[in-house]
Protein backbone atom coordinates (compact mmCIF):
# COMPACT_ATOMS: atom_id res chain seq x y z
CA UNK A 1 0.00 0.00 0.00
CA UNK A 2 1.62 3.31 -1.01
CA UNK A 3 2.40 5.73 1.83
CA UNK A 4 0.70 9.11 1.93
CA UNK A 5 2.84 12.16 1.22
CA UNK A 6 2.91 14.69 4.06
CA UNK A 7 2.27 18.21 2.67
CA UNK A 8 4.11 19.77 5.60
CA UNK A 9 7.22 17.72 4.80
CA UNK A 10 7.09 18.94 1.20
CA UNK A 11 6.81 22.57 2.34
CA UNK A 12 9.72 22.19 4.76
CA UNK A 13 11.78 20.53 2.03
CA UNK A 14 11.12 23.39 -0.37
CA UNK A 15 11.97 25.91 2.34
CA UNK A 16 15.24 24.10 3.09
CA UNK A 17 16.10 24.11 -0.62
CA UNK A 18 15.46 27.85 -0.82
CA UNK A 19 17.67 28.40 2.22
CA UNK A 20 20.53 26.50 0.59
CA UNK A 21 20.13 28.50 -2.60
CA UNK A 22 20.20 31.74 -0.64
CA UNK A 23 23.26 30.62 1.30
CA UNK A 24 25.32 29.82 -1.76
CA UNK A 25 24.06 32.78 -3.81
CA UNK A 26 24.89 35.42 -1.16
CA UNK A 27 26.41 33.91 1.94
CA UNK A 28 26.79 37.08 4.01
CA UNK A 29 23.42 38.47 3.06
CA UNK A 30 21.81 35.15 3.89
CA UNK A 31 23.48 34.95 7.32
CA UNK A 32 22.39 38.52 8.11
CA UNK A 33 18.84 37.62 7.11
CA UNK A 34 19.00 34.42 9.15
CA UNK A 35 20.16 36.31 12.26
CA UNK A 36 17.35 38.81 11.81
CA UNK A 37 14.81 36.00 11.45
CA UNK A 38 16.05 34.23 14.58
CA UNK A 39 15.87 37.50 16.54
CA UNK A 40 12.30 38.14 15.39
CA UNK A 41 11.42 34.51 16.12
CA UNK A 42 12.86 34.90 19.63
CA UNK A 43 10.54 37.84 20.34
CA UNK A 44 7.56 35.91 18.98
CA UNK A 45 8.58 32.90 21.06
CA UNK A 46 8.63 35.03 24.24
CA UNK A 47 5.12 36.29 23.57
CA UNK A 48 3.96 32.80 22.59
CA UNK A 49 5.34 31.33 25.80
CA UNK A 50 3.24 33.77 27.81
CA UNK A 51 0.16 32.67 25.86
CA UNK A 52 0.99 29.01 26.50
CA UNK A 53 1.56 29.36 30.26
CA UNK A 54 -1.78 31.07 30.78
CA UNK A 55 -3.59 28.67 28.46
CA UNK A 56 -2.13 25.60 30.19
CA UNK A 57 -3.42 26.87 33.53
CA UNK A 58 -6.78 28.33 32.54
CA UNK A 59 -7.52 26.72 29.14
CA UNK A 60 -8.19 30.23 27.83
CA UNK A 61 -6.37 32.35 25.25
CA UNK A 62 -5.30 35.61 26.88
CA UNK A 63 -6.24 38.34 24.41
CA UNK A 64 -4.85 40.94 26.83
CA UNK A 65 -1.26 39.86 26.15
CA UNK A 66 -0.61 42.80 23.84
CA UNK A 67 -1.84 45.33 26.39
CA UNK A 68 0.36 43.71 29.04
CA UNK A 69 3.31 44.09 26.66
CA UNK A 70 2.60 47.83 26.35
CA UNK A 71 2.28 48.20 30.12
CA UNK A 72 5.59 46.41 30.70
CA UNK A 73 7.41 48.64 28.23
CA UNK A 74 5.83 51.73 29.80
CA UNK A 75 7.01 50.64 33.24
CA UNK A 76 10.57 50.62 31.90
CA UNK A 77 10.08 54.07 30.39
CA UNK A 78 8.75 55.49 33.66
CA UNK A 79 11.64 54.04 35.67
CA UNK A 80 14.56 54.58 33.28
CA UNK A 81 13.56 57.83 31.54
CA UNK A 82 11.25 59.71 33.91
CA UNK A 83 13.12 58.40 36.99
CA UNK A 84 9.75 57.86 38.69
CA UNK A 85 7.95 54.89 40.15
CA UNK A 86 5.24 53.98 37.58
CA UNK A 87 2.07 56.10 37.78
CA UNK A 88 3.41 58.09 40.78
CA UNK A 89 5.54 61.16 41.43
CA UNK A 90 7.89 59.21 43.72
CA UNK A 91 11.49 59.24 42.53
CA UNK A 92 13.03 55.99 41.39
CA UNK A 93 15.77 55.15 43.96
CA UNK A 94 17.75 53.20 41.36
CA UNK A 95 19.00 56.48 39.84
CA UNK A 96 21.15 57.00 42.95
CA UNK A 97 22.89 53.64 42.69
CA UNK A 98 26.54 54.13 41.65
CA UNK A 99 27.74 52.29 38.58
CA UNK A 100 27.44 52.31 34.80
CA UNK A 101 24.24 53.40 33.08
CA UNK A 102 23.60 49.94 31.60
CA UNK A 103 23.54 48.39 35.09
CA UNK A 104 20.98 50.91 36.33
CA UNK A 105 18.90 50.27 33.21
CA UNK A 106 18.91 46.51 33.84
CA UNK A 107 17.82 47.11 37.43
CA UNK A 108 15.01 49.30 36.12
CA UNK A 109 13.93 46.45 33.84
CA UNK A 110 13.92 44.03 36.79
CA UNK A 111 11.71 46.39 38.80
CA UNK A 112 9.47 46.91 35.74
CA UNK A 113 9.04 43.13 35.45
CA UNK A 114 8.04 43.03 39.12
CA UNK A 115 5.37 45.65 38.41
CA UNK A 116 4.24 43.59 35.41
CA UNK A 117 3.96 40.48 37.58
CA UNK A 118 1.95 42.47 40.16
CA UNK A 119 -0.37 43.67 37.40
CA UNK A 120 -0.84 40.07 36.27
CA UNK A 121 -1.67 39.01 39.85
CA UNK A 122 -4.21 41.81 40.24
CA UNK A 123 -5.91 40.88 36.97
CA UNK A 124 -6.03 37.21 37.92
CA UNK A 125 -7.38 37.85 41.41
CA UNK A 126 -10.08 40.32 40.41
CA UNK A 127 -11.31 39.01 37.06
CA UNK A 128 -10.06 35.48 36.37
CA UNK A 129 -10.25 33.59 39.67
CA UNK A 130 -13.97 34.31 40.17
CA UNK A 131 -14.52 32.60 36.80
CA UNK A 132 -13.11 29.22 37.88
CA UNK A 133 -15.58 26.58 36.71
CA UNK A 134 -17.41 29.03 34.45
CA UNK A 135 -17.62 28.69 30.63
CA UNK A 136 -14.25 29.25 28.98
CA UNK A 137 -15.82 31.45 26.33
CA UNK A 138 -16.81 33.94 29.04
CA UNK A 139 -13.25 34.04 30.36
CA UNK A 140 -11.89 34.66 26.86
CA UNK A 141 -14.32 37.56 26.39
CA UNK A 142 -13.14 39.00 29.71
CA UNK A 143 -9.52 38.95 28.52
CA UNK A 144 -10.60 40.72 25.34
CA UNK A 145 -12.27 43.42 27.42
CA UNK A 146 -9.14 43.65 29.59
CA UNK A 147 -7.04 44.20 26.47
CA UNK A 148 -9.12 47.21 25.47
CA UNK A 149 -9.31 48.65 28.99
CA UNK A 150 -5.61 48.21 29.78
CA UNK A 151 -4.50 49.59 26.41
CA UNK A 152 -6.68 52.70 26.68
CA UNK A 153 -5.70 53.29 30.32
CA UNK A 154 -1.98 52.85 29.61
CA UNK A 155 -2.00 55.11 26.57
CA UNK A 156 -4.09 57.82 28.24
CA UNK A 157 -2.34 57.80 31.62
CA UNK A 158 1.09 58.05 30.00
CA UNK A 159 -0.06 60.64 27.44
CA UNK A 160 1.31 58.32 24.76
CA UNK A 161 0.33 60.35 21.73
CA UNK A 162 3.61 59.58 20.00
CA UNK A 163 6.47 57.55 21.44
CA UNK A 164 8.10 57.13 24.84
CA UNK A 165 11.78 56.21 24.84
CA UNK A 166 13.02 53.24 26.85
CA UNK A 167 16.61 54.57 27.03
CA UNK A 168 17.95 51.23 25.84
CA UNK A 169 21.74 51.23 26.47
CA UNK A 170 22.79 49.69 23.15
CA UNK A 171 20.26 51.67 21.09
CA UNK A 172 20.67 50.79 17.42
CA UNK A 173 24.36 49.83 17.76
CA UNK A 174 25.59 46.76 15.94
CA UNK A 175 28.57 44.40 15.89
CA UNK A 176 30.26 42.39 13.18
CA UNK A 177 30.75 38.62 12.97
CA UNK A 178 32.46 37.15 9.92
CA UNK A 179 31.77 40.25 7.88
CA UNK A 180 28.07 40.22 8.84
CA UNK A 181 26.70 43.15 10.86
CA UNK A 182 24.04 42.44 13.48
CA UNK A 183 22.22 44.60 15.99
CA UNK A 184 22.95 44.05 19.64
CA UNK A 185 19.18 43.77 20.13
CA UNK A 186 19.26 40.54 18.07
CA UNK A 187 21.65 38.95 20.55
CA UNK A 188 19.75 40.32 23.56
CA UNK A 189 16.42 38.95 22.31
CA UNK A 190 17.91 35.53 21.63
CA UNK A 191 19.62 35.32 25.04
CA UNK A 192 16.55 36.46 26.97
CA UNK A 193 14.28 34.05 25.09
CA UNK A 194 16.73 31.19 25.70
CA UNK A 195 16.87 32.00 29.43
CA UNK A 196 13.06 32.17 29.63
CA UNK A 197 12.59 28.75 28.01
CA UNK A 198 15.28 27.16 30.20
CA UNK A 199 13.58 28.61 33.29
CA UNK A 200 10.18 27.28 32.20
CA UNK A 201 11.74 23.88 31.39
CA UNK A 202 12.96 23.50 34.97
CA UNK A 203 9.82 25.06 36.43
CA UNK A 204 7.62 22.37 34.87
CA UNK A 205 9.73 19.76 36.63
CA UNK A 206 9.16 21.38 40.02
CA UNK A 207 6.27 20.57 42.35
CA UNK A 208 4.33 23.67 41.31
CA UNK A 209 5.02 22.91 37.65
CA UNK A 210 3.55 19.43 38.05
CA UNK A 211 0.53 20.99 39.77
CA UNK A 212 0.09 23.39 36.84
CA UNK A 213 0.16 20.53 34.38
CA UNK A 214 -2.44 18.68 36.47
CA UNK A 215 -4.69 21.74 36.48
CA UNK A 216 -4.32 22.05 32.72
CA UNK A 217 -5.73 18.52 32.27
CA UNK A 218 -8.66 18.73 34.69
CA UNK A 219 -9.33 21.55 37.17
CA UNK A 220 -11.91 19.64 39.20
CA UNK A 221 -9.71 16.55 39.52
CA UNK A 222 -6.76 18.74 40.53
CA UNK A 223 -8.85 20.41 43.24
CA UNK A 224 -9.94 16.97 44.48
CA UNK A 225 -6.27 16.06 44.86
CA UNK A 226 -5.68 19.10 47.07
CA UNK A 227 -4.04 21.33 44.45
CA UNK A 228 -4.60 25.04 45.00
CA UNK A 229 -6.00 26.00 41.59
CA UNK A 230 -6.14 29.69 42.51
CA UNK A 231 -2.41 29.71 43.25
CA UNK A 232 -1.68 28.00 39.95
CA UNK A 233 -3.75 30.62 38.14
CA UNK A 234 -1.90 33.42 39.94
CA UNK A 235 1.55 32.07 39.05
CA UNK A 236 0.55 31.53 35.44
CA UNK A 237 -0.78 35.07 35.07
CA UNK A 238 2.21 36.63 36.81
CA UNK A 239 4.63 34.69 34.58
CA UNK A 240 2.56 35.46 31.48
CA UNK A 241 2.61 39.18 32.30
CA UNK A 242 6.39 39.12 32.77
CA UNK A 243 6.89 37.39 29.42
CA UNK A 244 4.53 39.88 27.77
CA UNK A 245 6.54 42.75 29.26
CA UNK A 246 9.79 41.29 27.92
CA UNK A 247 8.18 40.93 24.51
CA UNK A 248 6.98 44.52 24.71
CA UNK A 249 10.49 45.76 25.49
CA UNK A 250 12.00 43.94 22.51
CA UNK A 251 9.09 45.02 20.29
CA UNK A 252 10.57 48.54 20.47
CA UNK A 253 13.89 47.40 19.00
CA UNK A 254 15.14 45.91 15.72
CA UNK A 255 14.00 43.87 13.92
CA UNK A 256 10.44 44.78 14.98
CA UNK A 257 10.94 48.52 15.36
CA UNK A 258 13.74 51.03 14.85
CA UNK A 259 12.51 53.67 17.32
CA UNK A 260 13.64 52.19 20.64
CA UNK A 261 10.43 53.63 22.08
CA UNK A 262 7.03 52.26 23.05
CA UNK A 263 4.16 53.50 20.90
CA UNK A 264 0.57 52.69 20.11
CA UNK A 265 1.63 49.99 17.63
CA UNK A 266 3.51 48.05 20.34
CA UNK A 267 0.24 46.37 21.34
CA UNK A 268 0.10 44.56 17.99
CA UNK A 269 3.18 42.47 18.80
CA UNK A 270 0.90 39.92 20.50
CA UNK A 271 -1.31 39.56 17.44
CA UNK A 272 1.76 39.22 15.23
CA UNK A 273 2.96 36.40 17.52
CA UNK A 274 -0.43 34.65 17.59
CA UNK A 275 0.34 32.51 14.49
CA UNK A 276 3.38 31.16 16.35
CA UNK A 277 1.16 30.09 19.25
CA UNK A 278 -1.37 28.38 16.99
CA UNK A 279 1.27 26.75 14.79
CA UNK A 280 3.27 25.36 17.71
CA UNK A 281 0.26 24.26 19.76
CA UNK A 282 -1.65 26.24 22.38
CA UNK A 283 -0.55 24.02 25.26
CA UNK A 284 3.03 23.25 24.21
CA UNK A 285 6.13 25.02 25.52
CA UNK A 286 8.39 23.50 22.86
CA UNK A 287 5.72 24.42 20.32
CA UNK A 288 5.96 28.07 21.42
CA UNK A 289 9.71 27.99 20.81
CA UNK A 290 9.65 26.26 17.43
CA UNK A 291 6.50 28.06 16.34
CA UNK A 292 8.05 31.43 17.17
CA UNK A 293 11.27 30.66 15.31
CA UNK A 294 9.39 29.24 12.32
CA UNK A 295 7.11 32.25 12.00
CA UNK A 296 9.94 34.73 12.53
CA UNK A 297 12.15 33.09 9.93
CA UNK A 298 9.31 32.78 7.43
CA UNK A 299 8.42 36.46 7.78
CA UNK A 300 11.99 37.72 7.41
CA UNK A 301 13.01 35.32 4.63
CA UNK A 302 9.89 36.12 2.64
CA UNK A 303 10.49 39.82 3.11
CA UNK A 304 14.05 39.46 1.88
CA UNK A 305 13.77 37.05 -1.03
CA UNK A 306 10.33 38.01 -2.37
CA UNK A 307 10.89 41.76 -2.22
CA UNK A 308 11.14 41.91 -6.02
CA UNK A 309 7.51 40.83 -6.37
CA UNK A 310 5.78 43.61 -4.44
CA UNK A 311 3.79 44.59 -7.54
CA UNK A 312 2.11 41.21 -7.38
CA UNK A 313 2.13 40.48 -3.64
CA UNK A 314 1.65 44.01 -2.32
CA UNK A 315 3.93 46.07 -0.07
CA UNK A 316 2.65 44.53 3.17
CA UNK A 317 2.96 40.88 2.17
CA UNK A 318 5.56 39.97 4.88
CA UNK A 319 2.91 40.58 7.56
CA UNK A 320 0.60 38.09 5.85
CA UNK A 321 3.22 35.33 5.53
CA UNK A 322 2.93 34.18 9.20
CA UNK A 323 -0.80 33.61 8.77
CA UNK A 324 -0.26 31.72 5.53
CA UNK A 325 2.24 29.45 7.28
CA UNK A 326 -0.17 29.03 10.19
CA UNK A 327 -3.05 28.01 7.89
CA UNK A 328 -0.87 25.49 6.05
CA UNK A 329 0.33 24.04 9.34
CA UNK A 330 -3.21 23.71 10.71
CA UNK A 331 -4.38 21.98 7.54
CA UNK A 332 -1.76 19.30 8.26
CA UNK A 333 -1.92 19.26 12.07
CA UNK A 334 -5.11 20.91 13.37
CA UNK A 335 -3.82 21.07 16.97
CA UNK A 336 -0.43 22.53 16.05
CA UNK A 337 2.96 20.90 15.77
CA UNK A 338 3.06 19.84 19.43
CA UNK A 339 -0.49 20.55 20.59
CA UNK A 340 -2.46 17.92 22.47
CA UNK A 341 -5.33 16.51 20.35
CA UNK A 342 -8.72 16.78 22.03
CA UNK A 343 -10.57 13.49 22.14
CA UNK A 344 -14.32 13.53 22.58
CA UNK A 345 -16.50 10.49 23.16
CA UNK A 346 -19.99 10.58 21.75
């Protein structure tokens, strides 16, 4: 009996062939494009990981992830640029710490992530925990309402009519490796994403990580076993908010943006990363990583090697490529590359 041909394998084979052609045709240009794609994929993977952590705990897609990314970036701007504690007139004590500017900026980022985690805890406690046991559709609608409310509040309270700088130490500086120039933000995004996935890898092997996985399978059974579902929800939302904030910070830098400042378009980084979540699998950590890298590489490679066909494809075709890849992937694997298939007995 002849074996069926996997369409996804054919697509990946064609993509690999195109990569080899690009490598041999223009080695340095290809490597620069590859580095840019990996950096973009790292940012998408960070955002996707936040989606996955919250989904694994609550079985709900958090549509407020983009607004949390904006809030996290604004926290950094308040601390590092205005020298104030977010949304107050109190002076940021970090400015008095002796040392280089980059060290003070990193400390400001750490404090901003703490504020992001606190925001995630407040959201979970006030709007998500009361919905335990309620229809998941209602919870998803709540997160959509939170996205609108948080975005409007953040933009209005910070008077974000244009852009707010994050005072990123490396700015748009670059370095050279083998004759290929790369932005320092590429390396930073890759390192931070790698650290985040390593941390989550070990977390899921801890006692709380096992409890989170149990809650993701069956909340009622987990509660019957004595697992504190509310605590699991709180940790998931705090971690998801931190990852969203990191994604928001890198969304202000190359390759996503050249401004180094948070603006109204920063919120869309979550929606640009959504194909990575769906492609990898909503409940899969490794899927978030591979989905993010796949989508990032596809977007950058298409933008580089199909740029001569803008008359046919349109000027904004690179933004569409992630969704095309996502649709193709779902046609082959409806639950994503590493998603858990849902089995229903009728």
